[in-house]
Amino acid sequence: MDRLARFSKIAGEMVPHGKIEEALSAVIGRGSCAVTGVPDERRGERLAVIYTSDTMPAEMIRHLESCGLPALWIPKRDQFFRVDAIPLLGTGKVDLAAVRKIASAPTEVLQ
C-alpha cells in the first residue's frame, strides 16, 4: 500500500511522485517538497505539491517543463501550497497521510 501511495493514477496513467520530487529538488533543495495525489472528478486524481521554499510555483513549473517531464506529470499552478514544514513521522520519513490532508484542504490549513 505504501508504494502505491507514491503514485497517482491520472487519466489511466500511473505518475510517480518521486520523479517529480527529484526534479523539484534541483530548484528548491532536497526535502523541501512533497508530491501527492488528491481526488479529481474528471481524471481520477490530480497532483499537488506542498513545499517550504520561497521559490514561486511558476519557476518550479518552468523547471519541471525544462526537465522533459510529460505534461501530465506537471502539477497545475494552483496545486502548489507553501507550508512552514513538511510533516514527518517519528521515523523521519514524510507523513504521506498528513501531506494528502494538507493538499486536499489547503485553505483550511494555510490561512
PDB file of N, CA and C in Angstrom:
ATOM      1  N   MET A   1       0.824  -1.197   0.000  1.00  0.00           N
ATOM      2  CA  MET A   1       0.000   0.000   0.000  1.00  0.00           C
ATOM      3  C   MET A   1       0.864   1.254   0.000  1.00  0.00           C
ATOM      4  N   ASP A   2       1.965   1.254   0.777  1.00  0.00           N
ATOM      5  CA  ASP A   2       2.806   2.436   0.858  1.00  0.00           C
ATOM      6  C   ASP A   2       3.398   2.783  -0.501  1.00  0.00           C
ATOM      7  N   ARG A   3       3.808   1.787  -1.262  1.00  0.00           N
ATOM      8  CA  ARG A   3       4.374   2.067  -2.584  1.00  0.00           C
ATOM      9  C   ARG A   3       3.330   2.664  -3.510  1.00  0.00           C
ATOM     10  N   LEU A   4       2.089   2.193  -3.425  1.00  0.00           N
ATOM     11  CA  LEU A   4       1.027   2.757  -4.256  1.00  0.00           C
ATOM     12  C   LEU A   4       0.745   4.201  -3.885  1.00  0.00           C
ATOM     13  N   ALA A   5       0.964   4.574  -2.632  1.00  0.00           N
ATOM     14  CA  ALA A   5       0.741   5.952  -2.202  1.00  0.00           C
ATOM     15  C   ALA A   5       1.741   6.896  -2.852  1.00  0.00           C
ATOM     16  N   ARG A   6       2.791   6.396  -3.430  1.00  0.00           N
ATOM     17  CA  ARG A   6       3.814   7.226  -4.078  1.00  0.00           C
ATOM     18  C   ARG A   6       3.565   7.366  -5.582  1.00  0.00           C
ATOM     19  N   PHE A   7       2.374   6.957  -6.019  1.00  0.00           N
ATOM     20  CA  PHE A   7       1.948   7.111  -7.402  1.00  0.00           C
ATOM     21  C   PHE A   7       0.553   7.708  -7.423  1.00  0.00           C
ATOM     22  N   SER A   8       0.229   8.407  -8.496  1.00  0.00           N
ATOM     23  CA  SER A   8      -1.140   8.859  -8.732  1.00  0.00           C
ATOM     24  C   SER A   8      -1.598   8.262 -10.048  1.00  0.00           C
ATOM     25  N   LYS A   9      -2.844   7.865 -10.094  1.00  0.00           N
ATOM     26  CA  LYS A   9      -3.415   7.368 -11.346  1.00  0.00           C
ATOM     27  C   LYS A   9      -4.222   8.509 -11.948  1.00  0.00           C
ATOM     28  N   ILE A  10      -3.650   9.107 -12.975  1.00  0.00           N
ATOM     29  CA  ILE A  10      -4.260  10.272 -13.610  1.00  0.00           C
ATOM     30  C   ILE A  10      -4.645   9.893 -15.035  1.00  0.00           C
ATOM     31  N   ALA A  11      -5.929   9.970 -15.316  1.00  0.00           N
ATOM     32  CA  ALA A  11      -6.445   9.628 -16.646  1.00  0.00           C
ATOM     33  C   ALA A  11      -5.922   8.269 -17.110  1.00  0.00           C
ATOM     34  N   GLY A  12      -5.815   7.324 -16.179  1.00  0.00           N
ATOM     35  CA  GLY A  12      -5.402   5.972 -16.508  1.00  0.00           C
ATOM     36  C   GLY A  12      -3.901   5.733 -16.504  1.00  0.00           C
ATOM     37  N   GLU A  13      -3.090   6.773 -16.310  1.00  0.00           N
ATOM     38  CA  GLU A  13      -1.635   6.622 -16.305  1.00  0.00           C
ATOM     39  C   GLU A  13      -1.095   6.738 -14.880  1.00  0.00           C
ATOM     40  N   MET A  14      -0.163   5.862 -14.530  1.00  0.00           N
ATOM     41  CA  MET A  14       0.467   5.917 -13.212  1.00  0.00           C
ATOM     42  C   MET A  14       1.607   6.943 -13.248  1.00  0.00           C
ATOM     43  N   VAL A  15       1.529   7.937 -12.363  1.00  0.00           N
ATOM     44  CA  VAL A  15       2.512   9.019 -12.312  1.00  0.00           C
ATOM     45  C   VAL A  15       3.294   8.891 -11.002  1.00  0.00           C
ATOM     46  N   PRO A  16       4.615   8.715 -11.070  1.00  0.00           N
ATOM     47  CA  PRO A  16       5.427   8.544  -9.862  1.00  0.00           C
ATOM     48  C   PRO A  16       5.751   9.882  -9.185  1.00  0.00           C
ATOM     49  N   HIS A  17       5.365  10.004  -7.927  1.00  0.00           N
ATOM     50  CA  HIS A  17       5.627  11.230  -7.173  1.00  0.00           C
ATOM     51  C   HIS A  17       7.126  11.463  -6.984  1.00  0.00           C
ATOM     52  N   GLY A  18       7.877  10.399  -6.778  1.00  0.00           N
ATOM     53  CA  GLY A  18       9.309  10.515  -6.525  1.00  0.00           C
ATOM     54  C   GLY A  18      10.065  11.195  -7.652  1.00  0.00           C
ATOM     55  N   LYS A  19       9.688  10.935  -8.882  1.00  0.00           N
ATOM     56  CA  LYS A  19      10.368  11.559 -10.033  1.00  0.00           C
ATOM     57  C   LYS A  19      10.141  13.070 -10.039  1.00  0.00           C
ATOM     58  N   ILE A  20       8.946  13.486  -9.668  1.00  0.00           N
ATOM     59  CA  ILE A  20       8.619  14.916  -9.632  1.00  0.00           C
ATOM     60  C   ILE A  20       9.366  15.583  -8.479  1.00  0.00           C
ATOM     61  N   GLU A  21       9.380  14.927  -7.319  1.00  0.00           N
ATOM     62  CA  GLU A  21      10.115  15.462  -6.171  1.00  0.00           C
ATOM     63  C   GLU A  21      11.603  15.578  -6.484  1.00  0.00           C
ATOM     64  N   GLU A  22      12.137  14.586  -7.160  1.00  0.00           N
ATOM     65  CA  GLU A  22      13.551  14.588  -7.533  1.00  0.00           C
ATOM     66  C   GLU A  22      13.867  15.776  -8.446  1.00  0.00           C
ATOM     67  N   ALA A  23      13.008  16.014  -9.423  1.00  0.00           N
ATOM     68  CA  ALA A  23      13.218  17.136 -10.339  1.00  0.00           C
ATOM     69  C   ALA A  23      13.098  18.475  -9.597  1.00  0.00           C
ATOM     70  N   LEU A  24      12.149  18.579  -8.684  1.00  0.00           N
ATOM     71  CA  LEU A  24      11.973  19.822  -7.928  1.00  0.00           C
ATOM     72  C   LEU A  24      13.133  20.079  -6.974  1.00  0.00           C
ATOM     73  N   SER A  25      13.757  19.026  -6.480  1.00  0.00           N
ATOM     74  CA  SER A  25      14.848  19.199  -5.520  1.00  0.00           C
ATOM     75  C   SER A  25      16.021  19.971  -6.120  1.00  0.00           C
ATOM     76  N   ALA A  26      16.159  19.933  -7.432  1.00  0.00           N
ATOM     77  CA  ALA A  26      17.224  20.683  -8.093  1.00  0.00           C
ATOM     78  C   ALA A  26      16.993  22.188  -7.985  1.00  0.00           C
ATOM     79  N   VAL A  27      15.742  22.593  -7.824  1.00  0.00           N
ATOM     80  CA  VAL A  27      15.400  24.013  -7.747  1.00  0.00           C
ATOM     81  C   VAL A  27      15.241  24.474  -6.304  1.00  0.00           C
ATOM     82  N   ILE A  28      14.597  23.661  -5.472  1.00  0.00           N
ATOM     83  CA  ILE A  28      14.267  24.130  -4.119  1.00  0.00           C
ATOM     84  C   ILE A  28      15.002  23.392  -3.007  1.00  0.00           C
ATOM     85  N   GLY A  29      15.788  22.398  -3.358  1.00  0.00           N
ATOM     86  CA  GLY A  29      16.545  21.660  -2.350  1.00  0.00           C
ATOM     87  C   GLY A  29      15.860  20.370  -1.936  1.00  0.00           C
ATOM     88  N   ARG A  30      16.664  19.381  -1.631  1.00  0.00           N
ATOM     89  CA  ARG A  30      16.165  18.062  -1.224  1.00  0.00           C
ATOM     90  C   ARG A  30      15.408  18.180   0.093  1.00  0.00           C
ATOM     91  N   GLY A  31      14.272  17.519   0.169  1.00  0.00           N
ATOM     92  CA  GLY A  31      13.469  17.509   1.390  1.00  0.00           C
ATOM     93  C   GLY A  31      12.610  18.747   1.579  1.00  0.00           C
ATOM     94  N   SER A  32      12.585  19.619   0.571  1.00  0.00           N
ATOM     95  CA  SER A  32      11.814  20.865   0.682  1.00  0.00           C
ATOM     96  C   SER A  32      10.431  20.765   0.067  1.00  0.00           C
ATOM     97  N   CYS A  33      10.062  19.577  -0.433  1.00  0.00           N
ATOM     98  CA  CYS A  33       8.737  19.427  -1.029  1.00  0.00           C
ATOM     99  C   CYS A  33       8.255  17.991  -0.894  1.00  0.00           C
ATOM    100  N   ALA A  34       6.965  17.848  -1.068  1.00  0.00           N
ATOM    101  CA  ALA A  34       6.344  16.527  -1.116  1.00  0.00           C
ATOM    102  C   ALA A  34       5.219  16.591  -2.145  1.00  0.00           C
ATOM    103  N   VAL A  35       5.137  15.577  -2.973  1.00  0.00           N
ATOM    104  CA  VAL A  35       4.109  15.487  -4.013  1.00  0.00           C
ATOM    105  C   VAL A  35       3.112  14.430  -3.594  1.00  0.00           C
ATOM    106  N   THR A  36       1.848  14.706  -3.839  1.00  0.00           N
ATOM    107  CA  THR A  36       0.794  13.744  -3.522  1.00  0.00           C
ATOM    108  C   THR A  36      -0.297  13.838  -4.572  1.00  0.00           C
ATOM    109  N   GLY A  37      -1.190  12.879  -4.539  1.00  0.00           N
ATOM    110  CA  GLY A  37      -2.359  12.898  -5.404  1.00  0.00           C
ATOM    111  C   GLY A  37      -3.593  13.201  -4.585  1.00  0.00           C
ATOM    112  N   VAL A  38      -4.466  14.036  -5.129  1.00  0.00           N
ATOM    113  CA  VAL A  38      -5.735  14.349  -4.474  1.00  0.00           C
ATOM    114  C   VAL A  38      -6.858  14.028  -5.464  1.00  0.00           C
ATOM    115  N   PRO A  39      -8.034  13.701  -4.963  1.00  0.00           N
ATOM    116  CA  PRO A  39      -9.135  13.317  -5.859  1.00  0.00           C
ATOM    117  C   PRO A  39      -9.480  14.407  -6.873  1.00  0.00           C
ATOM    118  N   ASP A  40      -9.804  13.968  -8.069  1.00  0.00           N
ATOM    119  CA  ASP A  40     -10.232  14.853  -9.147  1.00  0.00           C
ATOM    120  C   ASP A  40     -11.378  14.169  -9.874  1.00  0.00           C
ATOM    121  N   GLU A  41     -12.501  14.853 -10.001  1.00  0.00           N
ATOM    122  CA  GLU A  41     -13.689  14.242 -10.602  1.00  0.00           C
ATOM    123  C   GLU A  41     -13.476  13.824 -12.053  1.00  0.00           C
ATOM    124  N   ARG A  42     -12.734  14.611 -12.803  1.00  0.00           N
ATOM    125  CA  ARG A  42     -12.543  14.337 -14.225  1.00  0.00           C
ATOM    126  C   ARG A  42     -11.489  13.279 -14.518  1.00  0.00           C
ATOM    127  N   ARG A  43     -10.355  13.341 -13.828  1.00  0.00           N
ATOM    128  CA  ARG A  43      -9.225  12.483 -14.184  1.00  0.00           C
ATOM    129  C   ARG A  43      -8.895  11.426 -13.143  1.00  0.00           C
ATOM    130  N   GLY A  44      -9.672  11.349 -12.086  1.00  0.00           N
ATOM    131  CA  GLY A  44      -9.406  10.378 -11.027  1.00  0.00           C
ATOM    132  C   GLY A  44      -8.581  10.987  -9.902  1.00  0.00           C
ATOM    133  N   GLU A  45      -7.413  11.525 -10.259  1.00  0.00           N
ATOM    134  CA  GLU A  45      -6.554  12.225  -9.301  1.00  0.00           C
ATOM    135  C   GLU A  45      -5.874  13.387 -10.012  1.00  0.00           C
ATOM    136  N   ARG A  46      -5.373  14.315  -9.224  1.00  0.00           N
ATOM    137  CA  ARG A  46      -4.521  15.385  -9.741  1.00  0.00           C
ATOM    138  C   ARG A  46      -3.341  15.517  -8.793  1.00  0.00           C
ATOM    139  N   LEU A  47      -2.253  16.040  -9.287  1.00  0.00           N
ATOM    140  CA  LEU A  47      -1.044  16.187  -8.479  1.00  0.00           C
ATOM    141  C   LEU A  47      -1.087  17.483  -7.684  1.00  0.00           C
ATOM    142  N   ALA A  48      -0.547  17.416  -6.471  1.00  0.00           N
ATOM    143  CA  ALA A  48      -0.410  18.603  -5.632  1.00  0.00           C
ATOM    144  C   ALA A  48       0.972  18.564  -4.996  1.00  0.00           C
ATOM    145  N   VAL A  49       1.535  19.742  -4.774  1.00  0.00           N
ATOM    146  CA  VAL A  49       2.861  19.862  -4.188  1.00  0.00           C
ATOM    147  C   VAL A  49       2.768  20.750  -2.961  1.00  0.00           C
ATOM    148  N   ILE A  50       3.296  20.270  -1.830  1.00  0.00           N
ATOM    149  CA  ILE A  50       3.487  21.163  -0.693  1.00  0.00           C
ATOM    150  C   ILE A  50       4.992  21.395  -0.599  1.00  0.00           C
ATOM    151  N   TYR A  51       5.375  22.628  -0.285  1.00  0.00           N
ATOM    152  CA  TYR A  51       6.799  22.963  -0.293  1.00  0.00           C
ATOM    153  C   TYR A  51       7.104  24.009   0.771  1.00  0.00           C
ATOM    154  N   THR A  52       8.365  24.103   1.149  1.00  0.00           N
ATOM    155  CA  THR A  52       8.783  25.021   2.202  1.00  0.00           C
ATOM    156  C   THR A  52       9.640  26.170   1.681  1.00  0.00           C
ATOM    157  N   SER A  53      10.010  26.147   0.453  1.00  0.00           N
ATOM    158  CA  SER A  53      10.916  27.144  -0.120  1.00  0.00           C
ATOM    159  C   SER A  53      10.173  28.434  -0.476  1.00  0.00           C
ATOM    160  N   ASP A  54      10.929  29.501  -0.706  1.00  0.00           N
ATOM    161  CA  ASP A  54      10.342  30.769  -1.159  1.00  0.00           C
ATOM    162  C   ASP A  54      10.234  30.825  -2.680  1.00  0.00           C
ATOM    163  N   THR A  55      10.610  29.766  -3.354  1.00  0.00           N
ATOM    164  CA  THR A  55      10.546  29.696  -4.812  1.00  0.00           C
ATOM    165  C   THR A  55       9.091  29.763  -5.263  1.00  0.00           C
ATOM    166  N   MET A  56       8.844  30.532  -6.293  1.00  0.00           N
ATOM    167  CA  MET A  56       7.483  30.699  -6.809  1.00  0.00           C
ATOM    168  C   MET A  56       7.068  29.468  -7.630  1.00  0.00           C
ATOM    169  N   PRO A  57       5.782  29.112  -7.573  1.00  0.00           N
ATOM    170  CA  PRO A  57       5.299  27.964  -8.353  1.00  0.00           C
ATOM    171  C   PRO A  57       5.620  28.068  -9.841  1.00  0.00           C
ATOM    172  N   ALA A  58       5.538  29.266 -10.418  1.00  0.00           N
ATOM    173  CA  ALA A  58       5.826  29.419 -11.848  1.00  0.00           C
ATOM    174  C   ALA A  58       7.250  28.978 -12.170  1.00  0.00           C
ATOM    175  N   GLU A  59       8.195  29.291 -11.289  1.00  0.00           N
ATOM    176  CA  GLU A  59       9.581  28.888 -11.504  1.00  0.00           C
ATOM    177  C   GLU A  59       9.722  27.369 -11.407  1.00  0.00           C
ATOM    178  N   MET A  60       9.021  26.764 -10.450  1.00  0.00           N
ATOM    179  CA  MET A  60       9.079  25.307 -10.309  1.00  0.00           C
ATOM    180  C   MET A  60       8.486  24.622 -11.539  1.00  0.00           C
ATOM    181  N   ILE A  61       7.394  25.162 -12.053  1.00  0.00           N
ATOM    182  CA  ILE A  61       6.748  24.588 -13.239  1.00  0.00           C
ATOM    183  C   ILE A  61       7.682  24.705 -14.442  1.00  0.00           C
ATOM    184  N   ARG A  62       8.307  25.869 -14.613  1.00  0.00           N
ATOM    185  CA  ARG A  62       9.257  26.039 -15.733  1.00  0.00           C
ATOM    186  C   ARG A  62      10.380  25.006 -15.643  1.00  0.00           C
ATOM    187  N   HIS A  63      10.867  24.777 -14.430  1.00  0.00           N
ATOM    188  CA  HIS A  63      11.934  23.798 -14.267  1.00  0.00           C
ATOM    189  C   HIS A  63      11.453  22.393 -14.636  1.00  0.00           C
ATOM    190  N   LEU A  64      10.266  22.014 -14.168  1.00  0.00           N
ATOM    191  CA  LEU A  64       9.735  20.692 -14.496  1.00  0.00           C
ATOM    192  C   LEU A  64       9.577  20.524 -16.000  1.00  0.00           C
ATOM    193  N   GLU A  65       9.106  21.580 -16.666  1.00  0.00           N
ATOM    194  CA  GLU A  65       8.957  21.520 -18.130  1.00  0.00           C
ATOM    195  C   GLU A  65      10.319  21.368 -18.802  1.00  0.00           C
ATOM    196  N   SER A  66      11.334  22.066 -18.286  1.00  0.00           N
ATOM    197  CA  SER A  66      12.669  22.001 -18.898  1.00  0.00           C
ATOM    198  C   SER A  66      13.341  20.643 -18.664  1.00  0.00           C
ATOM    199  N   CYS A  67      12.869  19.898 -17.673  1.00  0.00           N
ATOM    200  CA  CYS A  67      13.420  18.564 -17.400  1.00  0.00           C
ATOM    201  C   CYS A  67      12.907  17.518 -18.376  1.00  0.00           C
ATOM    202  N   GLY A  68      11.932  17.900 -19.190  1.00  0.00           N
ATOM    203  CA  GLY A  68      11.388  16.969 -20.163  1.00  0.00           C
ATOM    204  C   GLY A  68      10.327  16.036 -19.606  1.00  0.00           C
ATOM    205  N   LEU A  69       9.772  16.385 -18.439  1.00  0.00           N
ATOM    206  CA  LEU A  69       8.703  15.555 -17.880  1.00  0.00           C
ATOM    207  C   LEU A  69       7.444  15.693 -18.731  1.00  0.00           C
ATOM    208  N   PRO A  70       6.665  14.635 -18.869  1.00  0.00           N
ATOM    209  CA  PRO A  70       5.406  14.734 -19.607  1.00  0.00           C
ATOM    210  C   PRO A  70       4.485  15.767 -18.956  1.00  0.00           C
ATOM    211  N   ALA A  71       3.680  16.425 -19.751  1.00  0.00           N
ATOM    212  CA  ALA A  71       2.769  17.458 -19.242  1.00  0.00           C
ATOM    213  C   ALA A  71       1.860  16.909 -18.137  1.00  0.00           C
ATOM    214  N   LEU A  72       1.472  15.664 -18.254  1.00  0.00           N
ATOM    215  CA  LEU A  72       0.609  15.034 -17.252  1.00  0.00           C
ATOM    216  C   LEU A  72       1.286  14.965 -15.882  1.00  0.00           C
ATOM    217  N   TRP A  73       2.605  14.973 -15.846  1.00  0.00           N
ATOM    218  CA  TRP A  73       3.372  14.859 -14.606  1.00  0.00           C
ATOM    219  C   TRP A  73       3.626  16.213 -13.949  1.00  0.00           C
ATOM    220  N   ILE A  74       3.196  17.296 -14.561  1.00  0.00           N
ATOM    221  CA  ILE A  74       3.465  18.633 -14.031  1.00  0.00           C
ATOM    222  C   ILE A  74       2.206  19.174 -13.375  1.00  0.00           C
ATOM    223  N   PRO A  75       2.255  19.405 -12.044  1.00  0.00           N
ATOM    224  CA  PRO A  75       1.073  19.921 -11.343  1.00  0.00           C
ATOM    225  C   PRO A  75       0.674  21.300 -11.869  1.00  0.00           C
ATOM    226  N   LYS A  76      -0.600  21.595 -11.793  1.00  0.00           N
ATOM    227  CA  LYS A  76      -1.104  22.909 -12.192  1.00  0.00           C
ATOM    228  C   LYS A  76      -0.641  23.957 -11.177  1.00  0.00           C
ATOM    229  N   ARG A  77      -0.557  25.177 -11.607  1.00  0.00           N
ATOM    230  CA  ARG A  77      -0.040  26.264 -10.773  1.00  0.00           C
ATOM    231  C   ARG A  77      -0.809  26.414  -9.459  1.00  0.00           C
ATOM    232  N   ASP A  78      -2.118  26.196  -9.493  1.00  0.00           N
ATOM    233  CA  ASP A  78      -2.923  26.353  -8.276  1.00  0.00           C
ATOM    234  C   ASP A  78      -2.833  25.152  -7.339  1.00  0.00           C
ATOM    235  N   GLN A  79      -1.992  24.187  -7.670  1.00  0.00           N
ATOM    236  CA  GLN A  79      -1.825  22.995  -6.839  1.00  0.00           C
ATOM    237  C   GLN A  79      -0.476  22.970  -6.115  1.00  0.00           C
ATOM    238  N   PHE A  80       0.149  24.133  -5.971  1.00  0.00           N
ATOM    239  CA  PHE A  80       1.378  24.286  -5.194  1.00  0.00           C
ATOM    240  C   PHE A  80       1.014  25.033  -3.922  1.00  0.00           C
ATOM    241  N   PHE A  81       1.333  24.439  -2.766  1.00  0.00           N
ATOM    242  CA  PHE A  81       0.946  25.019  -1.487  1.00  0.00           C
ATOM    243  C   PHE A  81       2.168  25.162  -0.582  1.00  0.00           C
ATOM    244  N   ARG A  82       2.444  26.402  -0.175  1.00  0.00           N
ATOM    245  CA  ARG A  82       3.590  26.652   0.702  1.00  0.00           C
ATOM    246  C   ARG A  82       3.196  26.363   2.141  1.00  0.00           C
ATOM    247  N   VAL A  83       4.061  25.641   2.859  1.00  0.00           N
ATOM    248  CA  VAL A  83       3.849  25.307   4.267  1.00  0.00           C
ATOM    249  C   VAL A  83       5.117  25.659   5.041  1.00  0.00           C
ATOM    250  N   ASP A  84       4.992  25.742   6.345  1.00  0.00           N
ATOM    251  CA  ASP A  84       6.155  26.037   7.190  1.00  0.00           C
ATOM    252  C   ASP A  84       7.105  24.850   7.275  1.00  0.00           C
ATOM    253  N   ALA A  85       6.540  23.644   7.291  1.00  0.00           N
ATOM    254  CA  ALA A  85       7.373  22.437   7.401  1.00  0.00           C
ATOM    255  C   ALA A  85       6.658  21.260   6.746  1.00  0.00           C
ATOM    256  N   ILE A  86       7.434  20.381   6.152  1.00  0.00           N
ATOM    257  CA  ILE A  86       6.893  19.143   5.592  1.00  0.00           C
ATOM    258  C   ILE A  86       6.620  18.216   6.777  1.00  0.00           C
ATOM    259  N   PRO A  87       5.392  17.677   6.903  1.00  0.00           N
ATOM    260  CA  PRO A  87       5.102  16.793   8.037  1.00  0.00           C
ATOM    261  C   PRO A  87       5.902  15.491   7.977  1.00  0.00           C
ATOM    262  N   LEU A  88       6.471  15.131   9.103  1.00  0.00           N
ATOM    263  CA  LEU A  88       7.283  13.917   9.192  1.00  0.00           C
ATOM    264  C   LEU A  88       6.730  12.970  10.251  1.00  0.00           C
ATOM    265  N   LEU A  89       6.983  11.694  10.065  1.00  0.00           N
ATOM    266  CA  LEU A  89       6.661  10.678  11.061  1.00  0.00           C
ATOM    267  C   LEU A  89       7.795  10.625  12.084  1.00  0.00           C
ATOM    268  N   GLY A  90       7.619   9.889  13.145  1.00  0.00           N
ATOM    269  CA  GLY A  90       8.661   9.722  14.153  1.00  0.00           C
ATOM    270  C   GLY A  90       9.930   9.101  13.593  1.00  0.00           C
ATOM    271  N   THR A  91       9.801   8.378  12.487  1.00  0.00           N
ATOM    272  CA  THR A  91      10.961   7.738  11.856  1.00  0.00           C
ATOM    273  C   THR A  91      11.761   8.712  10.990  1.00  0.00           C
ATOM    274  N   GLY A  92      11.225   9.915  10.789  1.00  0.00           N
ATOM    275  CA  GLY A  92      11.884  10.893   9.938  1.00  0.00           C
ATOM    276  C   GLY A  92      11.420  10.858   8.494  1.00  0.00           C
ATOM    277  N   LYS A  93      10.555   9.906   8.165  1.00  0.00           N
ATOM    278  CA  LYS A  93      10.006   9.827   6.812  1.00  0.00           C
ATOM    279  C   LYS A  93       8.840  10.803   6.680  1.00  0.00           C
ATOM    280  N   VAL A  94       8.540  11.176   5.451  1.00  0.00           N
ATOM    281  CA  VAL A  94       7.426  12.081   5.184  1.00  0.00           C
ATOM    282  C   VAL A  94       6.112  11.400   5.572  1.00  0.00           C
ATOM    283  N   ASP A  95       5.260  12.128   6.275  1.00  0.00           N
ATOM    284  CA  ASP A  95       3.943  11.635   6.670  1.00  0.00           C
ATOM    285  C   ASP A  95       2.996  11.839   5.489  1.00  0.00           C
ATOM    286  N   LEU A  96       2.847  10.796   4.664  1.00  0.00           N
ATOM    287  CA  LEU A  96       2.069  10.901   3.434  1.00  0.00           C
ATOM    288  C   LEU A  96       0.600  11.219   3.687  1.00  0.00           C
ATOM    289  N   ALA A  97       0.032  10.695   4.761  1.00  0.00           N
ATOM    290  CA  ALA A  97      -1.372  10.986   5.077  1.00  0.00           C
ATOM    291  C   ALA A  97      -1.545  12.462   5.409  1.00  0.00           C
ATOM    292  N   ALA A  98      -0.619  13.035   6.161  1.00  0.00           N
ATOM    293  CA  ALA A  98      -0.695  14.461   6.508  1.00  0.00           C
ATOM    294  C   ALA A  98      -0.486  15.333   5.271  1.00  0.00           C
ATOM    295  N   VAL A  99       0.413  14.922   4.388  1.00  0.00           N
ATOM    296  CA  VAL A  99       0.647  15.666   3.146  1.00  0.00           C
ATOM    297  C   VAL A  99      -0.631  15.687   2.316  1.00  0.00           C
ATOM    298  N   ARG A 100      -1.276  14.531   2.182  1.00  0.00           N
ATOM    299  CA  ARG A 100      -2.523  14.431   1.425  1.00  0.00           C
ATOM    300  C   ARG A 100      -3.612  15.306   2.044  1.00  0.00           C
ATOM    301  N   LYS A 101      -3.679  15.331   3.366  1.00  0.00           N
ATOM    302  CA  LYS A 101      -4.682  16.146   4.057  1.00  0.00           C
ATOM    303  C   LYS A 101      -4.445  17.631   3.797  1.00  0.00           C
ATOM    304  N   ILE A 102      -3.211  18.061   3.860  1.00  0.00           N
ATOM    305  CA  ILE A 102      -2.877  19.460   3.597  1.00  0.00           C
ATOM    306  C   ILE A 102      -3.243  19.826   2.164  1.00  0.00           C
ATOM    307  N   ALA A 103      -2.891  18.983   1.211  1.00  0.00           N
ATOM    308  CA  ALA A 103      -3.160  19.257  -0.196  1.00  0.00           C
ATOM    309  C   ALA A 103      -4.646  19.198  -0.534  1.00  0.00           C
ATOM    310  N   SER A 104      -5.409  18.419   0.217  1.00  0.00           N
ATOM    311  CA  SER A 104      -6.839  18.293  -0.032  1.00  0.00           C
ATOM    312  C   SER A 104      -7.643  19.460   0.512  1.00  0.00           C
ATOM    313  N   ALA A 105      -7.130  20.095   1.550  1.00  0.00           N
ATOM    314  CA  ALA A 105      -7.855  21.202   2.190  1.00  0.00           C
ATOM    315  C   ALA A 105      -6.906  22.362   2.471  1.00  0.00           C
ATOM    316  N   PRO A 106      -6.251  22.895   1.428  1.00  0.00           N
ATOM    317  CA  PRO A 106      -5.218  23.898   1.657  1.00  0.00           C
ATOM    318  C   PRO A 106      -5.726  25.189   2.275  1.00  0.00           C
ATOM    319  N   THR A 107      -6.950  25.597   1.981  1.00  0.00           N
ATOM    320  CA  THR A 107      -7.426  26.870   2.519  1.00  0.00           C
ATOM    321  C   THR A 107      -7.599  26.786   4.025  1.00  0.00           C
ATOM    322  N   GLU A 108      -7.986  25.628   4.528  1.00  0.00           N
ATOM    323  CA  GLU A 108      -8.135  25.460   5.975  1.00  0.00           C
ATOM    324  C   GLU A 108      -6.781  25.457   6.675  1.00  0.00           C
ATOM    325  N   VAL A 109      -5.812  24.811   6.078  1.00  0.00           N
ATOM    326  CA  VAL A 109      -4.516  24.617   6.705  1.00  0.00           C
ATOM    327  C   VAL A 109      -3.638  25.859   6.609  1.00  0.00           C
ATOM    328  N   LEU A 110      -3.684  26.546   5.474  1.00  0.00           N
ATOM    329  CA  LEU A 110      -2.720  27.596   5.202  1.00  0.00           C
ATOM    330  C   LEU A 110      -3.189  29.009   5.551  1.00  0.00           C
ATOM    331  N   GLN A 111      -4.391  29.205   5.966  1.00  0.00           N
ATOM    332  CA  GLN A 111      -4.857  30.562   6.273  1.00  0.00           C
ATOM    333  C   GLN A 111      -4.314  31.067   7.574  1.00  0.00           C
TER     334      GLN A 111
END
